[in-house]
Amino acid sequence: MTLSQIPSEQYEETLKAMRERCYRAIKTMNTLQAPMGKGFPRSWAVGEVVRSRHEDYGGIKRRFVPSPRDLEDMPKVMDAIAWYKAHAKHGERDYRILVSRAFDRPWYIIAEKYFDGSVSERSLRRWLDRAVCEIVETVGKARREVVSSYANIIGG
């Protein structure tokens, strides 16, 4: 089902769930330990140590812990994100926005860092939503192809 086929009252809710699925895949990928043991183990709190009350900002930022469903879903979603980044007209731009928002980077910082502040928050949101829709549709197509090929193997 494409986003245009969703009733308007469910549109925002569906889009939010799609965004969250992509964010969780990116965060899950980030929590996995580097291959060959390079770098610090992910379980160490490197860079997240609070030295004073002023650095705390009201609480220690909690580390993302992926669920089993996140671990299962991550390869499919990350493959779709990689495909989108490589093949879409604005894939690189949208990938930067997606990853930045996955880690809660504010819109104005994304605009400053990647677009010299020449882009509005509304444009960034629109680009992100379009990218997320295409990524999730790619995951859905891949799943349908696997199911149909499996059915051909069983039936044939």
Protein backbone atom coordinates (compact mmCIF):
# COMPACT_ATOMS: atom_id res chain seq x y z
CA MET A 1 0.00 0.00 0.00
CA THR A 2 1.37 3.37 -0.96
CA LEU A 3 0.96 6.48 1.15
CA SER A 4 -1.49 7.96 -1.35
CA GLN A 5 -3.85 5.00 -0.75
CA ILE A 6 -4.07 5.65 3.00
CA PRO A 7 -7.17 7.53 4.20
CA SER A 8 -6.37 11.13 5.12
CA GLU A 9 -7.26 10.67 8.81
CA GLN A 10 -4.59 7.97 9.14
CA TYR A 11 -1.94 9.71 7.01
CA GLU A 12 0.00 11.50 9.79
CA GLU A 13 -0.08 8.48 12.09
CA THR A 14 1.16 6.17 9.34
CA LEU A 15 3.89 8.58 8.29
CA LYS A 16 5.06 8.90 11.90
CA ALA A 17 5.24 5.10 12.24
CA MET A 18 7.20 4.84 8.98
CA ARG A 19 9.67 7.49 10.15
CA GLU A 20 10.11 5.72 13.49
CA ARG A 21 10.82 2.43 11.70
CA CYS A 22 13.64 4.05 9.71
CA TYR A 23 15.00 5.83 12.80
CA ARG A 24 15.04 2.60 14.80
CA ALA A 25 16.89 0.79 12.00
CA ILE A 26 19.55 3.51 11.91
CA LYS A 27 19.91 3.52 15.70
CA THR A 28 20.07 -0.30 15.75
CA MET A 29 22.83 -0.24 13.15
CA ASN A 30 24.69 2.29 15.27
CA THR A 31 24.53 0.08 18.39
CA LEU A 32 26.13 -2.93 16.72
CA GLN A 33 29.80 -3.39 17.54
CA ALA A 34 32.29 -2.53 14.85
CA PRO A 35 33.60 -5.54 12.87
CA MET A 36 36.96 -6.98 13.86
CA GLY A 37 36.76 -5.32 17.28
CA LYS A 38 37.97 -1.92 16.05
CA GLY A 39 37.29 1.04 18.26
CA PHE A 40 35.73 1.09 21.70
CA PRO A 41 33.11 -1.51 22.62
CA ARG A 42 29.62 -0.01 22.27
CA SER A 43 28.82 -0.90 25.88
CA TRP A 44 31.36 1.61 27.17
CA ALA A 45 30.01 5.05 27.97
CA VAL A 46 32.68 6.84 25.94
CA GLY A 47 31.71 10.44 25.36
CA GLU A 48 28.55 10.17 27.45
CA VAL A 49 30.10 10.74 30.87
CA VAL A 50 28.53 13.60 32.80
CA ARG A 51 31.22 15.45 34.70
CA SER A 52 29.15 18.15 36.36
CA ARG A 53 25.58 19.11 37.12
CA HIS A 54 25.72 21.73 34.35
CA GLU A 55 26.46 19.09 31.71
CA ASP A 56 23.53 16.96 32.81
CA TYR A 57 20.75 19.02 31.16
CA GLY A 58 18.15 17.46 33.41
CA GLY A 59 19.13 13.81 33.08
CA ILE A 60 21.56 11.41 31.49
CA LYS A 61 20.69 10.65 27.90
CA ARG A 62 19.64 7.04 27.73
CA ARG A 63 21.44 4.77 25.30
CA PHE A 64 19.24 3.17 22.64
CA VAL A 65 18.81 -0.57 23.22
CA PRO A 66 17.38 -2.40 20.20
CA SER A 67 14.61 -4.94 20.66
CA PRO A 68 14.65 -8.34 18.90
CA ARG A 69 12.17 -6.91 16.38
CA ASP A 70 14.56 -4.02 15.69
CA LEU A 71 17.39 -6.48 15.05
CA GLU A 72 15.19 -8.49 12.68
CA ASP A 73 13.88 -5.43 10.81
CA MET A 74 17.18 -3.53 10.56
CA PRO A 75 18.80 -5.37 7.60
CA LYS A 76 15.73 -4.97 5.39
CA VAL A 77 15.27 -1.30 6.20
CA MET A 78 18.98 -0.48 5.94
CA ASP A 79 19.15 -2.24 2.54
CA ALA A 80 16.25 -0.10 1.36
CA ILE A 81 17.89 3.05 2.77
CA ALA A 82 21.17 2.16 1.01
CA TRP A 83 19.32 1.52 -2.25
CA TYR A 84 17.48 4.85 -1.93
CA LYS A 85 20.71 6.71 -1.16
CA ALA A 86 22.42 5.26 -4.24
CA HIS A 87 19.55 5.47 -6.76
CA ALA A 88 17.19 8.29 -5.84
CA LYS A 89 17.64 11.70 -7.44
CA HIS A 90 18.26 13.36 -4.06
CA GLY A 91 19.30 10.23 -2.16
CA GLU A 92 22.44 11.64 -0.54
CA ARG A 93 20.65 14.78 0.64
CA ASP A 94 17.69 12.85 2.05
CA TYR A 95 20.01 10.31 3.71
CA ARG A 96 21.76 13.09 5.62
CA ILE A 97 18.42 14.46 6.81
CA LEU A 98 17.18 11.00 7.81
CA VAL A 99 20.27 10.11 9.84
CA SER A 100 20.39 13.53 11.50
CA ARG A 101 16.75 13.30 12.57
CA ALA A 102 17.22 9.71 13.78
CA PHE A 103 19.62 11.12 16.37
CA ASP A 104 17.31 14.05 17.22
CA ARG A 105 19.40 16.77 15.61
CA PRO A 106 17.29 19.96 15.47
CA TRP A 107 16.00 21.11 12.09
CA TYR A 108 17.84 24.43 12.18
CA ILE A 109 21.19 22.68 12.72
CA ILE A 110 20.51 20.35 9.76
CA ALA A 111 19.70 23.38 7.62
CA GLU A 112 22.89 25.17 8.72
CA LYS A 113 25.22 22.18 8.44
CA TYR A 114 24.13 20.80 5.07
CA PHE A 115 22.39 23.70 3.31
CA ASP A 116 24.05 26.86 4.74
CA GLY A 117 20.74 27.85 6.33
CA SER A 118 19.11 28.42 2.94
CA VAL A 119 16.41 25.76 3.43
CA SER A 120 13.29 26.02 5.56
CA GLU A 121 12.22 23.47 8.15
CA ARG A 122 9.10 22.83 6.07
CA SER A 123 11.20 21.82 3.05
CA LEU A 124 13.36 19.54 5.17
CA ARG A 125 10.27 17.84 6.61
CA ARG A 126 8.75 17.39 3.16
CA TRP A 127 11.97 15.88 1.77
CA LEU A 128 12.25 13.56 4.77
CA ASP A 129 8.65 12.37 4.49
CA ARG A 130 8.99 11.67 0.76
CA ALA A 131 12.21 9.73 1.32
CA VAL A 132 10.74 7.68 4.17
CA CYS A 133 7.72 6.76 2.03
CA GLU A 134 9.92 5.56 -0.82
CA ILE A 135 12.18 3.61 1.53
CA VAL A 136 9.28 1.81 3.21
CA GLU A 137 7.68 1.06 -0.18
CA THR A 138 11.01 -0.47 -1.27
CA VAL A 139 10.98 -2.72 1.82
CA GLY A 140 7.38 -3.72 1.03
CA LYS A 141 8.24 -4.54 -2.61
CA ALA A 142 11.19 -6.68 -1.54
CA ARG A 143 8.99 -8.58 0.92
CA ARG A 144 6.33 -9.21 -1.78
CA GLU A 145 9.00 -10.44 -4.23
CA VAL A 146 10.42 -12.87 -1.67
CA VAL A 147 6.94 -14.22 -0.86
CA SER A 148 6.03 -14.63 -4.54
CA SER A 149 9.34 -16.33 -5.38
CA TYR A 150 8.90 -18.65 -2.40
CA ALA A 151 5.38 -19.47 -3.60
CA ASN A 152 6.77 -20.27 -7.09
CA ILE A 153 9.37 -22.60 -5.58
CA ILE A 154 6.78 -24.42 -3.45
CA GLY A 155 4.21 -24.56 -6.22
CA GLY A 156 6.67 -25.48 -8.99
